[in-house]
């Protein structure tokens, strides 16, 4: 089974919701460049940022980061 990475999932969620990178960055209170790093897998968000992203997409943290037990 092929699992999606967090950066891939972040991009997919944003595109499915017709949001720009700037719109997501503004919604969670971070710089555009910082958000771009997350989608490229160059940085990992802090827990508070992950929670904000999960809230935007109405997902649990596990769902957001593609984690299953």
N, C-alpha and C. Protein backbone atom coordinates (compact mmCIF):
# COMPACT_ATOMS: atom_id res chain seq x y z
N UNK A 1 0.85 -1.18 0.00
CA UNK A 1 0.00 0.00 0.00
C UNK A 1 0.89 1.24 0.00
N UNK A 2 0.60 2.17 -0.86
CA UNK A 2 1.40 3.39 -1.00
C UNK A 2 0.82 4.49 -0.12
N UNK A 3 1.62 4.95 0.85
CA UNK A 3 1.15 5.97 1.77
C UNK A 3 1.64 7.35 1.32
N UNK A 4 0.78 8.32 1.41
CA UNK A 4 1.09 9.68 1.05
C UNK A 4 1.93 10.30 2.17
N UNK A 5 2.90 11.12 1.80
CA UNK A 5 3.68 11.83 2.80
C UNK A 5 2.89 13.03 3.30
N UNK A 6 3.32 13.57 4.43
CA UNK A 6 2.65 14.76 4.95
C UNK A 6 2.67 15.92 3.96
N UNK A 7 3.83 16.26 3.36
CA UNK A 7 3.82 17.36 2.39
C UNK A 7 2.87 17.11 1.21
N UNK A 8 2.85 15.87 0.71
CA UNK A 8 1.93 15.54 -0.39
C UNK A 8 0.48 15.70 0.04
N UNK A 9 0.19 15.27 1.25
CA UNK A 9 -1.18 15.36 1.76
C UNK A 9 -1.59 16.82 1.95
N UNK A 10 -0.66 17.63 2.45
CA UNK A 10 -0.94 19.05 2.64
C UNK A 10 -1.30 19.72 1.31
N UNK A 11 -0.53 19.42 0.28
CA UNK A 11 -0.80 19.96 -1.05
C UNK A 11 -2.15 19.48 -1.56
N UNK A 12 -2.41 18.19 -1.42
CA UNK A 12 -3.68 17.62 -1.90
C UNK A 12 -4.88 18.27 -1.20
N UNK A 13 -4.79 18.42 0.11
CA UNK A 13 -5.89 19.05 0.86
C UNK A 13 -6.13 20.48 0.40
N UNK A 14 -5.05 21.22 0.22
CA UNK A 14 -5.18 22.62 -0.19
C UNK A 14 -5.84 22.73 -1.56
N UNK A 15 -5.38 21.89 -2.50
CA UNK A 15 -5.94 21.93 -3.85
C UNK A 15 -7.40 21.48 -3.88
N UNK A 16 -7.72 20.44 -3.11
CA UNK A 16 -9.11 19.95 -3.05
C UNK A 16 -10.05 21.00 -2.49
N UNK A 17 -9.52 21.89 -1.66
CA UNK A 17 -10.34 22.94 -1.05
C UNK A 17 -10.22 24.27 -1.77
N UNK A 18 -9.57 24.25 -2.94
CA UNK A 18 -9.42 25.44 -3.77
C UNK A 18 -8.86 26.63 -3.00
N UNK A 19 -7.81 26.36 -2.22
CA UNK A 19 -7.17 27.41 -1.44
C UNK A 19 -5.79 27.71 -2.01
N UNK A 20 -5.39 28.96 -1.92
CA UNK A 20 -4.03 29.32 -2.30
C UNK A 20 -3.11 29.09 -1.11
N UNK A 21 -1.82 28.99 -1.38
CA UNK A 21 -0.86 28.87 -0.28
C UNK A 21 -0.98 30.08 0.64
N UNK A 22 -1.15 31.26 0.05
CA UNK A 22 -1.27 32.49 0.85
C UNK A 22 -2.49 32.44 1.76
N UNK A 23 -3.62 31.94 1.24
CA UNK A 23 -4.84 31.86 2.04
C UNK A 23 -4.65 30.95 3.26
N UNK A 24 -4.00 29.82 3.05
CA UNK A 24 -3.76 28.91 4.18
C UNK A 24 -2.80 29.55 5.17
N UNK A 25 -1.73 30.13 4.67
CA UNK A 25 -0.75 30.78 5.54
C UNK A 25 -1.41 31.87 6.38
N UNK A 26 -2.25 32.69 5.74
CA UNK A 26 -2.95 33.76 6.45
C UNK A 26 -3.88 33.19 7.52
N UNK A 27 -4.59 32.13 7.17
CA UNK A 27 -5.57 31.53 8.09
C UNK A 27 -4.90 30.99 9.36
N UNK A 28 -3.70 30.45 9.22
CA UNK A 28 -3.03 29.88 10.39
C UNK A 28 -1.98 30.82 10.99
N UNK A 29 -1.83 32.01 10.40
CA UNK A 29 -0.98 33.03 10.99
C UNK A 29 0.52 32.81 10.82
N UNK A 30 0.91 32.31 9.65
CA UNK A 30 2.33 32.14 9.38
C UNK A 30 2.69 32.82 8.06
N UNK A 31 3.97 32.96 7.82
CA UNK A 31 4.44 33.56 6.56
C UNK A 31 4.22 32.59 5.40
N UNK A 32 3.97 33.14 4.23
CA UNK A 32 3.79 32.33 3.03
C UNK A 32 4.99 31.40 2.82
N UNK A 33 6.21 31.93 2.93
CA UNK A 33 7.41 31.12 2.70
C UNK A 33 7.46 29.93 3.67
N UNK A 34 7.06 30.14 4.90
CA UNK A 34 7.05 29.06 5.89
C UNK A 34 6.09 27.96 5.45
N UNK A 35 4.90 28.36 5.01
CA UNK A 35 3.94 27.36 4.52
C UNK A 35 4.50 26.61 3.31
N UNK A 36 5.14 27.34 2.42
CA UNK A 36 5.72 26.70 1.23
C UNK A 36 6.76 25.66 1.63
N UNK A 37 7.52 25.92 2.65
CA UNK A 37 8.50 24.95 3.15
C UNK A 37 7.80 23.67 3.61
N UNK A 38 6.63 23.80 4.24
CA UNK A 38 5.88 22.63 4.69
C UNK A 38 5.45 21.77 3.50
N UNK A 39 4.92 22.41 2.46
CA UNK A 39 4.46 21.65 1.29
C UNK A 39 5.62 21.01 0.54
N UNK A 40 6.78 21.59 0.62
CA UNK A 40 7.96 21.03 -0.06
C UNK A 40 8.70 20.00 0.81
N UNK A 41 8.28 19.88 2.07
CA UNK A 41 8.95 18.95 2.96
C UNK A 41 10.29 19.45 3.47
N UNK A 42 10.51 20.77 3.39
CA UNK A 42 11.78 21.35 3.82
C UNK A 42 11.77 21.73 5.30
N UNK A 43 10.59 21.82 5.88
CA UNK A 43 10.43 22.09 7.31
C UNK A 43 9.21 21.35 7.81
N UNK A 44 9.18 21.10 9.11
CA UNK A 44 8.01 20.48 9.72
C UNK A 44 7.35 21.47 10.67
N UNK A 45 6.02 21.56 10.61
CA UNK A 45 5.32 22.53 11.46
C UNK A 45 5.33 22.14 12.94
N UNK A 46 5.24 23.17 13.77
CA UNK A 46 5.10 22.96 15.21
C UNK A 46 3.69 22.43 15.49
N UNK A 47 3.51 21.90 16.68
CA UNK A 47 2.22 21.32 17.05
C UNK A 47 1.08 22.33 16.92
N UNK A 48 1.28 23.56 17.35
CA UNK A 48 0.21 24.56 17.25
C UNK A 48 -0.20 24.79 15.79
N UNK A 49 0.76 24.73 14.90
CA UNK A 49 0.47 24.90 13.47
C UNK A 49 -0.25 23.68 12.93
N UNK A 50 0.15 22.50 13.35
CA UNK A 50 -0.54 21.28 12.92
C UNK A 50 -2.00 21.31 13.36
N UNK A 51 -2.23 21.75 14.58
CA UNK A 51 -3.61 21.84 15.09
C UNK A 51 -4.42 22.81 14.25
N UNK A 52 -3.84 23.95 13.92
CA UNK A 52 -4.54 24.95 13.08
C UNK A 52 -4.85 24.37 11.70
N UNK A 53 -3.91 23.65 11.12
CA UNK A 53 -4.15 23.02 9.81
C UNK A 53 -5.24 21.96 9.91
N UNK A 54 -5.21 21.16 10.95
CA UNK A 54 -6.25 20.13 11.14
C UNK A 54 -7.62 20.78 11.27
N UNK A 55 -7.68 21.92 11.95
CA UNK A 55 -8.95 22.63 12.11
C UNK A 55 -9.46 23.15 10.77
N UNK A 56 -8.59 23.67 9.94
CA UNK A 56 -8.99 24.19 8.63
C UNK A 56 -9.67 23.09 7.81
N UNK A 57 -9.07 21.92 7.83
CA UNK A 57 -9.56 20.82 6.99
C UNK A 57 -10.49 19.86 7.73
N UNK A 58 -10.82 20.18 8.98
CA UNK A 58 -11.71 19.36 9.79
C UNK A 58 -11.24 17.91 9.85
N UNK A 59 -9.96 17.75 10.21
CA UNK A 59 -9.34 16.43 10.33
C UNK A 59 -8.75 16.27 11.72
N UNK A 60 -8.55 15.02 12.12
CA UNK A 60 -7.78 14.77 13.34
C UNK A 60 -6.31 14.97 12.99
N UNK A 61 -5.48 15.11 14.01
CA UNK A 61 -4.04 15.25 13.75
C UNK A 61 -3.50 14.00 13.06
N UNK A 62 -3.95 12.83 13.47
CA UNK A 62 -3.50 11.59 12.81
C UNK A 62 -3.85 11.60 11.33
N UNK A 63 -5.07 11.99 11.01
CA UNK A 63 -5.47 12.05 9.60
C UNK A 63 -4.63 13.07 8.83
N UNK A 64 -4.39 14.21 9.45
CA UNK A 64 -3.63 15.26 8.78
C UNK A 64 -2.22 14.80 8.43
N UNK A 65 -1.56 14.10 9.34
CA UNK A 65 -0.17 13.70 9.11
C UNK A 65 -0.06 12.29 8.53
N UNK A 66 -1.17 11.74 8.05
CA UNK A 66 -1.19 10.43 7.38
C UNK A 66 -0.73 9.31 8.31
N UNK A 67 -1.12 9.39 9.54
CA UNK A 67 -0.71 8.38 10.52
C UNK A 67 -1.84 7.40 10.76
N UNK A 68 -1.49 6.13 10.70
CA UNK A 68 -2.46 5.09 11.08
C UNK A 68 -1.74 4.10 11.99
N UNK A 69 -2.47 3.45 12.82
CA UNK A 69 -1.88 2.50 13.77
C UNK A 69 -1.84 1.13 13.16
